Protein backbone atom coordinates (compact mmCIF):
# COMPACT_ATOMS: atom_id res chain seq x y z
CA VAL A 1 0.02 -0.04 0.03
CA TYR A 2 1.34 3.14 -1.00
CA ALA A 3 0.84 6.80 0.99
CA GLN A 4 -1.50 9.08 -0.88
CA GLU A 5 0.15 11.97 -2.10
CA ASN A 6 -0.93 15.44 -1.55
CA THR A 7 -2.62 16.77 -4.92
CA ILE A 8 -3.20 20.32 -3.64
CA THR A 9 -0.96 23.16 -2.39
CA PHE A 10 -1.86 25.87 -0.38
CA ASN A 11 0.63 28.75 -1.55
CA GLY A 12 0.53 31.02 1.40
CA THR A 13 -1.44 33.15 4.00
CA ILE A 14 -4.69 34.67 2.99
CA PRO A 15 -4.78 38.15 4.40
CA GLU A 16 -7.35 39.74 6.58
CA LEU A 17 -10.27 40.82 4.15
CA THR A 18 -12.19 44.26 4.93
CA ILE A 19 -15.62 44.43 3.73
CA THR A 20 -18.83 46.40 4.61
CA THR A 21 -22.39 45.34 5.22
CA GLY A 22 -24.13 44.25 2.06
CA MET A 23 -22.85 42.36 -0.76
CA ASN A 24 -19.04 42.22 -1.35
CA ARG A 25 -18.53 40.77 -4.70
CA ASN A 26 -15.08 39.25 -5.70
CA VAL A 27 -13.47 39.94 -2.41
CA LEU A 28 -10.93 37.04 -2.68
CA ASN A 29 -9.63 35.04 -5.43
CA LEU A 30 -8.86 31.48 -3.86
CA SER A 31 -7.26 30.29 -6.93
CA ALA A 32 -4.28 32.40 -6.25
CA TYR A 33 -3.86 30.61 -3.17
CA PHE A 34 -4.60 27.02 -4.05
CA SER A 35 -3.17 25.15 -6.96
CA SER A 36 -3.78 21.57 -8.20
CA ASN A 37 -3.28 19.58 -11.65
CA ASN A 38 -6.97 18.52 -10.93
CA ILE A 39 -10.39 20.25 -10.86
CA ILE A 40 -10.54 22.09 -7.19
CA ALA A 41 -14.13 22.30 -5.61
CA TYR A 42 -14.02 25.29 -3.17
CA LYS A 43 -15.43 25.32 0.40
CA TYR A 44 -15.40 26.94 3.50
CA LYS A 45 -16.23 26.85 7.36
CA SER A 46 -16.19 28.68 10.48
CA GLY A 47 -13.13 30.28 11.72
CA SER A 48 -12.14 30.95 15.44
CA ASP A 49 -14.50 34.34 15.22
CA GLY A 50 -17.25 32.70 13.58
CA ILE A 51 -19.33 33.55 10.46
CA GLU A 52 -22.72 34.31 11.85
CA GLY A 53 -24.60 36.96 9.63
CA LEU A 54 -22.39 36.33 6.51
CA ILE A 55 -23.44 34.55 3.39
CA ILE A 56 -20.34 33.26 1.58
CA GLU A 57 -20.65 32.13 -2.14
CA ILE A 58 -17.72 30.93 -3.80
CA ASN A 59 -17.77 30.20 -7.67
CA ASN A 60 -16.30 27.44 -9.59
CA GLU A 61 -12.92 29.66 -10.37
CA GLY A 62 -12.66 30.43 -6.76
CA LYS A 63 -13.88 33.99 -6.44
CA VAL A 64 -15.43 34.52 -3.11
CA ASP A 65 -18.69 36.93 -2.57
CA ILE A 66 -19.58 37.82 0.83
CA GLU A 67 -22.83 39.21 2.11
CA ALA A 68 -22.81 40.85 5.80
CA SER A 69 -25.63 41.77 7.71
CA ASP A 70 -23.86 43.27 10.76
CA SER A 71 -20.48 44.76 11.20
CA GLY A 72 -17.67 43.37 13.46
CA SER A 73 -15.05 40.67 12.92
CA ARG A 74 -15.86 37.13 11.73
CA SER A 75 -13.36 34.62 10.37
CA ALA A 76 -13.27 31.67 8.08
CA ILE A 77 -11.60 29.04 6.81
CA PHE A 78 -11.49 28.13 3.09
CA ILE A 79 -11.03 24.56 1.76
CA ALA A 80 -9.85 23.35 -1.65
CA ASP A 81 -11.10 19.88 -2.45
CA ASP A 82 -10.11 17.54 -5.50
CA ASP A 83 -11.80 14.62 -4.65
CA ILE A 84 -8.32 13.07 -3.49
CA THR A 85 -6.87 15.81 -1.04
CA ALA A 86 -8.50 18.46 0.76
CA VAL A 87 -6.48 21.40 2.15
CA GLN A 88 -7.55 24.23 4.55
CA SER A 89 -6.36 27.71 4.26
CA ASN A 90 -5.42 29.61 7.53
CA ASP A 91 -7.92 31.22 9.96
CA VAL A 92 -8.91 34.38 7.67
CA LYS A 93 -10.03 37.48 9.60
CA ILE A 94 -12.92 39.45 8.25
CA LYS A 95 -13.54 42.79 9.35
CA ILE A 96 -16.89 44.15 8.56
CA SER A 97 -17.86 48.01 8.71
CA GLY A 98 -21.00 49.98 7.95
CA GLU A 99 -24.74 49.72 9.13
CA SER A 100 -26.61 46.76 10.33
CA ILE A 101 -28.94 45.41 7.74
CA VAL A 102 -32.29 44.56 9.55
CA LYS A 103 -34.21 41.78 7.69
CA THR A 104 -37.44 41.25 9.59
CA SER A 105 -40.91 40.18 8.74
CA PHE A 106 -44.11 40.57 10.47
CA SER A 107 -47.12 38.55 11.10
CA PRO A 108 -49.87 39.52 10.56
CA ASN A 109 -48.21 42.00 7.87
CA THR A 110 -50.63 44.83 7.93
CA ASP A 111 -50.75 48.31 9.40
CA SER A 112 -53.42 47.80 11.82
CA VAL A 113 -55.47 44.86 13.17
CA GLN A 114 -58.90 44.44 14.27
CA ILE A 115 -59.74 41.91 16.82
CA ASP A 116 -63.33 41.01 17.76
CA GLU A 117 -64.07 40.63 21.72
CA GLY A 118 -63.39 37.09 22.79
CA LYS A 119 -61.38 36.30 19.72
CA SER A 120 -57.47 36.01 19.99
CA GLN A 121 -54.53 36.92 17.46
CA THR A 122 -51.18 35.74 17.44
CA PHE A 123 -48.33 38.33 16.46
CA ALA A 124 -44.89 37.12 15.37
CA VAL A 125 -41.64 38.92 14.18
CA SER A 126 -38.73 37.18 12.55
CA GLY A 127 -35.72 38.77 11.96
CA ASN A 128 -31.91 39.30 13.43
CA LYS A 129 -32.99 42.02 16.06
CA SER A 130 -34.58 41.44 19.62
CA VAL A 131 -38.00 42.08 19.73
CA GLU A 132 -39.94 44.28 22.27
CA TRP A 133 -43.84 44.11 22.71
CA TYR A 134 -46.24 46.95 23.89
CA LEU A 135 -50.08 47.36 24.33
CA ASP A 136 -51.47 50.74 24.79
CA ASN A 137 -47.76 52.30 24.82
CA VAL A 138 -46.87 49.91 27.70
CA LYS A 139 -43.77 47.74 27.51
CA LEU A 140 -44.84 43.90 27.96
CA ASN A 141 -42.62 41.55 30.09
CA ASN A 142 -42.43 39.58 26.94
CA SER A 143 -39.16 39.41 24.93
CA GLY A 144 -39.91 36.20 22.46
CA ASN A 145 -40.73 36.40 18.86
CA ILE A 146 -44.10 35.43 19.26
CA TYR A 147 -47.01 37.07 21.62
């Protein structure tokens, strides 16, 4: 039995990425850092600072787009895989600046709600921010997404 040879080479350290909230296209070209005689599929995983709030897309050529919803510091580890060997990059720091992008939805999705006496209505909010509920301008003791 012969030892399997590495077929992918990682060519150096990927530097820190600086992006803004929203969509950032072609922030990194992984083909400049990984090489192989075979076809490479690129992947990623969470680094030491996590990837919460990031959407990372990598095309077949290794070009990376990152969409960020919040500012802060995150990190990712990029992976090159040619079905023979998989090689990881360093833990790439991602510094994000800009205003937070709030994505929320409401149920019911109307400006006003009329509820008949003796009936009930469930209210819900989904999104990436905390929720406070008020009734007649008085804050309720409920911070969940459903009331």
